[in-house]
């Protein structure tokens, strides 16, 4: 399938690993099915996609039970404390 007809396309230069030591997905080997499965398990990875169906974007943004934990940088923490 050509890159223009796919429902999912990673941002340029991006690659995603399915699990620790698992397969690495790039635009060369990413299928729509693999992207859907990955995003159902890890919706926060949607930020790495350039082309993504609108339904997935909304679901990822609204999914309270599937969030990734990201450590905040010290500058982010300072801004948050000042706003309290």
PDB file of N, CA and C in Angstrom:
ATOM      1  N   UNK A   1       0.857  -1.179   0.000  1.00  0.00           N
ATOM      2  CA  UNK A   1       0.000   0.000   0.000  1.00  0.00           C
ATOM      3  C   UNK A   1       0.900   1.238   0.000  1.00  0.00           C
ATOM      4  N   UNK A   2       0.574   2.210  -0.828  1.00  0.00           N
ATOM      5  CA  UNK A   2       1.387   3.418  -0.904  1.00  0.00           C
ATOM      6  C   UNK A   2       1.182   4.266   0.349  1.00  0.00           C
ATOM      7  N   UNK A   3       2.145   5.124   0.638  1.00  0.00           N
ATOM      8  CA  UNK A   3       2.074   5.956   1.829  1.00  0.00           C
ATOM      9  C   UNK A   3       0.875   6.898   1.805  1.00  0.00           C
ATOM     10  N   UNK A   4       0.434   7.316   0.623  1.00  0.00           N
ATOM     11  CA  UNK A   4      -0.668   8.275   0.542  1.00  0.00           C
ATOM     12  C   UNK A   4      -2.033   7.641   0.808  1.00  0.00           C
ATOM     13  N   UNK A   5      -2.170   6.330   0.701  1.00  0.00           N
ATOM     14  CA  UNK A   5      -3.456   5.661   0.899  1.00  0.00           C
ATOM     15  C   UNK A   5      -3.596   5.052   2.288  1.00  0.00           C
ATOM     16  N   UNK A   6      -2.598   5.209   3.130  1.00  0.00           N
ATOM     17  CA  UNK A   6      -2.649   4.618   4.458  1.00  0.00           C
ATOM     18  C   UNK A   6      -3.386   5.522   5.434  1.00  0.00           C
ATOM     19  N   UNK A   7      -4.033   4.914   6.419  1.00  0.00           N
ATOM     20  CA  UNK A   7      -4.754   5.673   7.441  1.00  0.00           C
ATOM     21  C   UNK A   7      -3.817   6.169   8.532  1.00  0.00           C
ATOM     22  N   UNK A   8      -2.658   5.540   8.672  1.00  0.00           N
ATOM     23  CA  UNK A   8      -1.703   5.876   9.725  1.00  0.00           C
ATOM     24  C   UNK A   8      -0.333   6.098   9.100  1.00  0.00           C
ATOM     25  N   UNK A   9       0.292   7.197   9.471  1.00  0.00           N
ATOM     26  CA  UNK A   9       1.620   7.509   8.954  1.00  0.00           C
ATOM     27  C   UNK A   9       2.400   8.212  10.055  1.00  0.00           C
ATOM     28  N   UNK A  10       3.570   7.670  10.369  1.00  0.00           N
ATOM     29  CA  UNK A  10       4.407   8.275  11.402  1.00  0.00           C
ATOM     30  C   UNK A  10       5.016   9.579  10.908  1.00  0.00           C
ATOM     31  N   UNK A  11       5.349  10.451  11.843  1.00  0.00           N
ATOM     32  CA  UNK A  11       6.055  11.681  11.489  1.00  0.00           C
ATOM     33  C   UNK A  11       7.414  11.305  10.926  1.00  0.00           C
ATOM     34  N   UNK A  12       7.980  12.155  10.070  1.00  0.00           N
ATOM     35  CA  UNK A  12       9.280  11.842   9.453  1.00  0.00           C
ATOM     36  C   UNK A  12      10.355  11.535  10.494  1.00  0.00           C
ATOM     37  N   UNK A  13      11.084  10.465  10.248  1.00  0.00           N
ATOM     38  CA  UNK A  13      12.194  10.081  11.115  1.00  0.00           C
ATOM     39  C   UNK A  13      11.788   9.352  12.384  1.00  0.00           C
ATOM     40  N   UNK A  14      10.515   9.109  12.585  1.00  0.00           N
ATOM     41  CA  UNK A  14      10.046   8.444  13.805  1.00  0.00           C
ATOM     42  C   UNK A  14      10.038   6.936  13.624  1.00  0.00           C
ATOM     43  N   UNK A  15      10.288   6.253  14.731  1.00  0.00           N
ATOM     44  CA  UNK A  15      10.119   4.807  14.784  1.00  0.00           C
ATOM     45  C   UNK A  15       9.572   4.485  16.166  1.00  0.00           C
ATOM     46  N   UNK A  16       8.760   3.458  16.244  1.00  0.00           N
ATOM     47  CA  UNK A  16       8.161   3.044  17.505  1.00  0.00           C
ATOM     48  C   UNK A  16       8.490   1.586  17.743  1.00  0.00           C
ATOM     49  N   UNK A  17       8.762   1.256  18.995  1.00  0.00           N
ATOM     50  CA  UNK A  17       9.056  -0.123  19.346  1.00  0.00           C
ATOM     51  C   UNK A  17       7.820  -0.705  20.019  1.00  0.00           C
ATOM     52  N   UNK A  18       7.391  -1.881  19.575  1.00  0.00           N
ATOM     53  CA  UNK A  18       6.153  -2.473  20.079  1.00  0.00           C
ATOM     54  C   UNK A  18       6.265  -2.896  21.535  1.00  0.00           C
ATOM     55  N   UNK A  19       7.414  -3.310  21.965  1.00  0.00           N
ATOM     56  CA  UNK A  19       7.672  -3.673  23.359  1.00  0.00           C
ATOM     57  C   UNK A  19       9.185  -3.689  23.547  1.00  0.00           C
ATOM     58  N   UNK A  20       9.619  -3.796  24.782  1.00  0.00           N
ATOM     59  CA  UNK A  20      11.054  -3.826  25.027  1.00  0.00           C
ATOM     60  C   UNK A  20      11.663  -5.021  24.300  1.00  0.00           C
ATOM     61  N   UNK A  21      12.568  -4.732  23.387  1.00  0.00           N
ATOM     62  CA  UNK A  21      13.188  -5.788  22.597  1.00  0.00           C
ATOM     63  C   UNK A  21      12.316  -6.297  21.464  1.00  0.00           C
ATOM     64  N   UNK A  22      11.157  -5.677  21.286  1.00  0.00           N
ATOM     65  CA  UNK A  22      10.215  -6.117  20.252  1.00  0.00           C
ATOM     66  C   UNK A  22      10.503  -5.482  18.904  1.00  0.00           C
ATOM     67  N   UNK A  23       9.570  -5.647  18.004  1.00  0.00           N
ATOM     68  CA  UNK A  23       9.695  -5.112  16.655  1.00  0.00           C
ATOM     69  C   UNK A  23       9.728  -3.591  16.670  1.00  0.00           C
ATOM     70  N   UNK A  24      10.485  -3.021  15.765  1.00  0.00           N
ATOM     71  CA  UNK A  24      10.515  -1.586  15.574  1.00  0.00           C
ATOM     72  C   UNK A  24       9.669  -1.249  14.359  1.00  0.00           C
ATOM     73  N   UNK A  25       8.716  -0.338  14.548  1.00  0.00           N
ATOM     74  CA  UNK A  25       7.833   0.060  13.459  1.00  0.00           C
ATOM     75  C   UNK A  25       8.272   1.390  12.878  1.00  0.00           C
ATOM     76  N   UNK A  26       8.361   1.437  11.561  1.00  0.00           N
ATOM     77  CA  UNK A  26       8.651   2.663  10.824  1.00  0.00           C
ATOM     78  C   UNK A  26       7.599   2.772   9.732  1.00  0.00           C
ATOM     79  N   UNK A  27       7.614   3.846   8.973  1.00  0.00           N
ATOM     80  CA  UNK A  27       6.666   3.966   7.868  1.00  0.00           C
ATOM     81  C   UNK A  27       6.881   2.886   6.813  1.00  0.00           C
ATOM     82  N   UNK A  28       8.065   2.301   6.783  1.00  0.00           N
ATOM     83  CA  UNK A  28       8.346   1.249   5.805  1.00  0.00           C
ATOM     84  C   UNK A  28       7.622  -0.054   6.121  1.00  0.00           C
ATOM     85  N   UNK A  29       7.405  -0.337   7.418  1.00  0.00           N
ATOM     86  CA  UNK A  29       6.787  -1.622   7.765  1.00  0.00           C
ATOM     87  C   UNK A  29       5.505  -1.481   8.591  1.00  0.00           C
ATOM     88  N   UNK A  30       5.053  -0.268   8.828  1.00  0.00           N
ATOM     89  CA  UNK A  30       3.845  -0.035   9.617  1.00  0.00           C
ATOM     90  C   UNK A  30       2.593  -0.318   8.787  1.00  0.00           C
ATOM     91  N   UNK A  31       1.731  -1.181   9.285  1.00  0.00           N
ATOM     92  CA  UNK A  31       0.450  -1.436   8.631  1.00  0.00           C
ATOM     93  C   UNK A  31      -0.636  -0.717   9.428  1.00  0.00           C
ATOM     94  N   UNK A  32      -1.774  -0.479   8.806  1.00  0.00           N
ATOM     95  CA  UNK A  32      -2.892   0.136   9.515  1.00  0.00           C
ATOM     96  C   UNK A  32      -3.311  -0.720  10.705  1.00  0.00           C
ATOM     97  N   UNK A  33      -3.308  -2.022  10.532  1.00  0.00           N
ATOM     98  CA  UNK A  33      -3.703  -2.939  11.600  1.00  0.00           C
ATOM     99  C   UNK A  33      -2.739  -2.851  12.780  1.00  0.00           C
ATOM    100  N   UNK A  34      -1.435  -2.815  12.504  1.00  0.00           N
ATOM    101  CA  UNK A  34      -0.443  -2.719  13.576  1.00  0.00           C
ATOM    102  C   UNK A  34      -0.568  -1.381  14.310  1.00  0.00           C
ATOM    103  N   UNK A  35      -0.807  -0.310  13.567  1.00  0.00           N
ATOM    104  CA  UNK A  35      -0.963   1.006  14.181  1.00  0.00           C
ATOM    105  C   UNK A  35      -2.195   1.040  15.073  1.00  0.00           C
ATOM    106  N   UNK A  36      -3.309   0.476  14.607  1.00  0.00           N
ATOM    107  CA  UNK A  36      -4.537   0.450  15.402  1.00  0.00           C
ATOM    108  C   UNK A  36      -4.338  -0.320  16.701  1.00  0.00           C
ATOM    109  N   UNK A  37      -3.699  -1.470  16.612  1.00  0.00           N
ATOM    110  CA  UNK A  37      -3.449  -2.280  17.810  1.00  0.00           C
ATOM    111  C   UNK A  37      -2.547  -1.522  18.784  1.00  0.00           C
ATOM    112  N   UNK A  38      -1.497  -0.916  18.278  1.00  0.00           N
ATOM    113  CA  UNK A  38      -0.561  -0.180  19.122  1.00  0.00           C
ATOM    114  C   UNK A  38      -1.247   0.998  19.805  1.00  0.00           C
ATOM    115  N   UNK A  39      -2.078   1.727  19.073  1.00  0.00           N
ATOM    116  CA  UNK A  39      -2.755   2.894  19.636  1.00  0.00           C
ATOM    117  C   UNK A  39      -3.863   2.512  20.606  1.00  0.00           C
ATOM    118  N   UNK A  40      -4.477   1.356  20.431  1.00  0.00           N
ATOM    119  CA  UNK A  40      -5.461   0.893  21.412  1.00  0.00           C
ATOM    120  C   UNK A  40      -4.789   0.585  22.741  1.00  0.00           C
ATOM    121  N   UNK A  41      -3.588   0.035  22.682  1.00  0.00           N
ATOM    122  CA  UNK A  41      -2.838  -0.300  23.895  1.00  0.00           C
ATOM    123  C   UNK A  41      -2.132   0.914  24.491  1.00  0.00           C
ATOM    124  N   UNK A  42      -1.712   1.858  23.628  1.00  0.00           N
ATOM    125  CA  UNK A  42      -0.929   3.019  24.068  1.00  0.00           C
ATOM    126  C   UNK A  42      -1.391   4.277  23.340  1.00  0.00           C
ATOM    127  N   UNK A  43      -2.545   4.834  23.692  1.00  0.00           N
ATOM    128  CA  UNK A  43      -3.084   5.992  22.974  1.00  0.00           C
ATOM    129  C   UNK A  43      -2.190   7.225  23.011  1.00  0.00           C
ATOM    130  N   UNK A  44      -1.335   7.324  23.998  1.00  0.00           N
ATOM    131  CA  UNK A  44      -0.456   8.497  24.082  1.00  0.00           C
ATOM    132  C   UNK A  44       0.565   8.535  22.946  1.00  0.00           C
ATOM    133  N   UNK A  45       0.741   7.433  22.233  1.00  0.00           N
ATOM    134  CA  UNK A  45       1.673   7.408  21.103  1.00  0.00           C
ATOM    135  C   UNK A  45       1.117   8.127  19.877  1.00  0.00           C
ATOM    136  N   UNK A  46      -0.129   8.562  19.939  1.00  0.00           N
ATOM    137  CA  UNK A  46      -0.742   9.266  18.812  1.00  0.00           C
ATOM    138  C   UNK A  46       0.059  10.502  18.416  1.00  0.00           C
ATOM    139  N   UNK A  47       0.779  11.090  19.355  1.00  0.00           N
ATOM    140  CA  UNK A  47       1.561  12.297  19.063  1.00  0.00           C
ATOM    141  C   UNK A  47       2.699  12.032  18.073  1.00  0.00           C
ATOM    142  N   UNK A  48       3.043  10.785  17.847  1.00  0.00           N
ATOM    143  CA  UNK A  48       4.122  10.441  16.921  1.00  0.00           C
ATOM    144  C   UNK A  48       3.634  10.230  15.490  1.00  0.00           C
ATOM    145  N   UNK A  49       2.330  10.374  15.274  1.00  0.00           N
ATOM    146  CA  UNK A  49       1.751  10.138  13.958  1.00  0.00           C
ATOM    147  C   UNK A  49       1.464  11.444  13.235  1.00  0.00           C
ATOM    148  N   UNK A  50       1.798  11.477  11.955  1.00  0.00           N
ATOM    149  CA  UNK A  50       1.505  12.633  11.103  1.00  0.00           C
ATOM    150  C   UNK A  50       0.110  12.482  10.492  1.00  0.00           C
ATOM    151  N   UNK A  51      -0.253  11.264  10.098  1.00  0.00           N
ATOM    152  CA  UNK A  51      -1.571  10.964   9.549  1.00  0.00           C
ATOM    153  C   UNK A  51      -2.232   9.978  10.501  1.00  0.00           C
ATOM    154  N   UNK A  52      -3.442  10.353  10.953  1.00  0.00           N
ATOM    155  CA  UNK A  52      -4.138   9.572  11.957  1.00  0.00           C
ATOM    156  C   UNK A  52      -5.636   9.841  11.812  1.00  0.00           C
ATOM    157  N   UNK A  53      -6.469   8.807  11.769  1.00  0.00           N
ATOM    158  CA  UNK A  53      -7.910   9.055  11.661  1.00  0.00           C
ATOM    159  C   UNK A  53      -8.406   9.917  12.817  1.00  0.00           C
ATOM    160  N   UNK A  54      -9.357  10.784  12.547  1.00  0.00           N
ATOM    161  CA  UNK A  54      -9.883  11.706  13.558  1.00  0.00           C
ATOM    162  C   UNK A  54     -10.477  10.961  14.755  1.00  0.00           C
ATOM    163  N   UNK A  55     -11.103   9.833  14.535  1.00  0.00           N
ATOM    164  CA  UNK A  55     -11.707   9.066  15.624  1.00  0.00           C
ATOM    165  C   UNK A  55     -10.646   8.652  16.634  1.00  0.00           C
ATOM    166  N   UNK A  56      -9.501   8.207  16.151  1.00  0.00           N
ATOM    167  CA  UNK A  56      -8.421   7.794  17.048  1.00  0.00           C
ATOM    168  C   UNK A  56      -7.899   9.000  17.818  1.00  0.00           C
ATOM    169  N   UNK A  57      -7.745  10.144  17.158  1.00  0.00           N
ATOM    170  CA  UNK A  57      -7.271  11.345  17.840  1.00  0.00           C
ATOM    171  C   UNK A  57      -8.163  11.694  19.020  1.00  0.00           C
ATOM    172  N   UNK A  58      -9.485  11.672  18.817  1.00  0.00           N
ATOM    173  CA  UNK A  58     -10.423  12.005  19.883  1.00  0.00           C
ATOM    174  C   UNK A  58     -10.363  10.974  20.993  1.00  0.00           C
ATOM    175  N   UNK A  59     -10.324   9.694  20.640  1.00  0.00           N
ATOM    176  CA  UNK A  59     -10.271   8.642  21.646  1.00  0.00           C
ATOM    177  C   UNK A  59      -9.008   8.737  22.482  1.00  0.00           C
ATOM    178  N   UNK A  60      -7.886   9.009  21.855  1.00  0.00           N
ATOM    179  CA  UNK A  60      -6.626   9.111  22.582  1.00  0.00           C
ATOM    180  C   UNK A  60      -6.647  10.289  23.533  1.00  0.00           C
ATOM    181  N   UNK A  61      -7.242  11.386  23.110  1.00  0.00           N
ATOM    182  CA  UNK A  61      -7.291  12.575  23.958  1.00  0.00           C
ATOM    183  C   UNK A  61      -8.253  12.397  25.125  1.00  0.00           C
ATOM    184  N   UNK A  62      -9.282  11.561  24.972  1.00  0.00           N
ATOM    185  CA  UNK A  62     -10.301  11.422  26.000  1.00  0.00           C
ATOM    186  C   UNK A  62     -10.159  10.157  26.837  1.00  0.00           C
ATOM    187  N   UNK A  63      -9.164   9.355  26.598  1.00  0.00           N
ATOM    188  CA  UNK A  63      -9.031   8.079  27.292  1.00  0.00           C
ATOM    189  C   UNK A  63      -8.376   8.270  28.658  1.00  0.00           C
ATOM    190  N   UNK A  64      -9.166   8.265  29.752  1.00  0.00           N
ATOM    191  CA  UNK A  64      -8.592   8.494  31.069  1.00  0.00           C
ATOM    192  C   UNK A  64      -7.853   7.288  31.625  1.00  0.00           C
ATOM    193  N   UNK A  65      -8.164   6.085  31.166  1.00  0.00           N
ATOM    194  CA  UNK A  65      -7.557   4.895  31.744  1.00  0.00           C
ATOM    195  C   UNK A  65      -6.292   4.450  31.023  1.00  0.00           C
ATOM    196  N   UNK A  66      -5.959   5.054  29.920  1.00  0.00           N
ATOM    197  CA  UNK A  66      -4.750   4.681  29.177  1.00  0.00           C
ATOM    198  C   UNK A  66      -3.899   5.919  28.966  1.00  0.00           C
ATOM    199  N   UNK A  67      -3.171   6.313  29.986  1.00  0.00           N
ATOM    200  CA  UNK A  67      -2.307   7.478  29.857  1.00  0.00           C
ATOM    201  C   UNK A  67      -0.875   7.053  30.109  1.00  0.00           C
ATOM    202  N   UNK A  68       0.015   7.752  29.485  1.00  0.00           N
ATOM    203  CA  UNK A  68       1.422   7.448  29.711  1.00  0.00           C
ATOM    204  C   UNK A  68       1.943   8.332  30.826  1.00  0.00           C
ATOM    205  N   UNK A  69       2.889   7.826  31.548  1.00  0.00           N
ATOM    206  CA  UNK A  69       3.502   8.597  32.616  1.00  0.00           C
ATOM    207  C   UNK A  69       4.759   9.249  32.055  1.00  0.00           C
ATOM    208  N   UNK A  70       4.793  10.556  32.106  1.00  0.00           N
ATOM    209  CA  UNK A  70       5.933  11.296  31.601  1.00  0.00           C
ATOM    210  C   UNK A  70       6.476  12.152  32.727  1.00  0.00           C
ATOM    211  N   UNK A  71       7.762  12.035  32.984  1.00  0.00           N
ATOM    212  CA  UNK A  71       8.368  12.848  34.030  1.00  0.00           C
ATOM    213  C   UNK A  71       8.394  14.300  33.584  1.00  0.00           C
ATOM    214  N   UNK A  72       8.073  15.196  34.504  1.00  0.00           N
ATOM    215  CA  UNK A  72       8.078  16.614  34.173  1.00  0.00           C
ATOM    216  C   UNK A  72       9.482  17.173  34.330  1.00  0.00           C
ATOM    217  N   UNK A  73       9.819  18.067  33.440  1.00  0.00           N
ATOM    218  CA  UNK A  73      11.097  18.764  33.540  1.00  0.00           C
ATOM    219  C   UNK A  73      11.007  19.749  34.690  1.00  0.00           C
ATOM    220  N   UNK A  74      12.124  20.100  35.336  1.00  0.00           N
ATOM    221  CA  UNK A  74      12.097  21.042  36.452  1.00  0.00           C
ATOM    222  C   UNK A  74      11.409  22.359  36.111  1.00  0.00           C
ATOM    223  N   UNK A  75      11.581  22.884  34.901  1.00  0.00           N
ATOM    224  CA  UNK A  75      10.943  24.146  34.517  1.00  0.00           C
ATOM    225  C   UNK A  75       9.430  23.997  34.517  1.00  0.00           C
ATOM    226  N   UNK A  76       8.923  22.853  34.054  1.00  0.00           N
ATOM    227  CA  UNK A  76       7.489  22.604  34.060  1.00  0.00           C
ATOM    228  C   UNK A  76       6.946  22.558  35.481  1.00  0.00           C
ATOM    229  N   UNK A  77       7.705  21.971  36.382  1.00  0.00           N
ATOM    230  CA  UNK A  77       7.275  21.863  37.765  1.00  0.00           C
ATOM    231  C   UNK A  77       7.227  23.235  38.422  1.00  0.00           C
ATOM    232  N   UNK A  78       8.187  24.097  38.112  1.00  0.00           N
ATOM    233  CA  UNK A  78       8.210  25.439  38.680  1.00  0.00           C
ATOM    234  C   UNK A  78       7.003  26.241  38.221  1.00  0.00           C
ATOM    235  N   UNK A  79       6.672  26.162  36.939  1.00  0.00           N
ATOM    236  CA  UNK A  79       5.507  26.880  36.414  1.00  0.00           C
ATOM    237  C   UNK A  79       4.230  26.382  37.087  1.00  0.00           C
ATOM    238  N   UNK A  80       4.135  25.085  37.288  1.00  0.00           N
ATOM    239  CA  UNK A  80       2.953  24.506  37.905  1.00  0.00           C
ATOM    240  C   UNK A  80       2.813  24.969  39.346  1.00  0.00           C
ATOM    241  N   UNK A  81       3.917  25.036  40.088  1.00  0.00           N
ATOM    242  CA  UNK A  81       3.881  25.475  41.473  1.00  0.00           C
ATOM    243  C   UNK A  81       3.512  26.950  41.578  1.00  0.00           C
ATOM    244  N   UNK A  82       3.974  27.764  40.635  1.00  0.00           N
ATOM    245  CA  UNK A  82       3.670  29.179  40.673  1.00  0.00           C
ATOM    246  C   UNK A  82       2.198  29.445  40.400  1.00  0.00           C
ATOM    247  N   UNK A  83       1.554  28.580  39.623  1.00  0.00           N
ATOM    248  CA  UNK A  83       0.163  28.797  39.287  1.00  0.00           C
ATOM    249  C   UNK A  83      -0.790  28.343  40.384  1.00  0.00           C
ATOM    250  N   UNK A  84      -0.256  27.661  41.391  1.00  0.00           N
ATOM    251  CA  UNK A  84      -1.102  27.141  42.482  1.00  0.00           C
ATOM    252  C   UNK A  84      -1.393  28.225  43.501  1.00  0.00           C
TER     253      UNK A  84
END
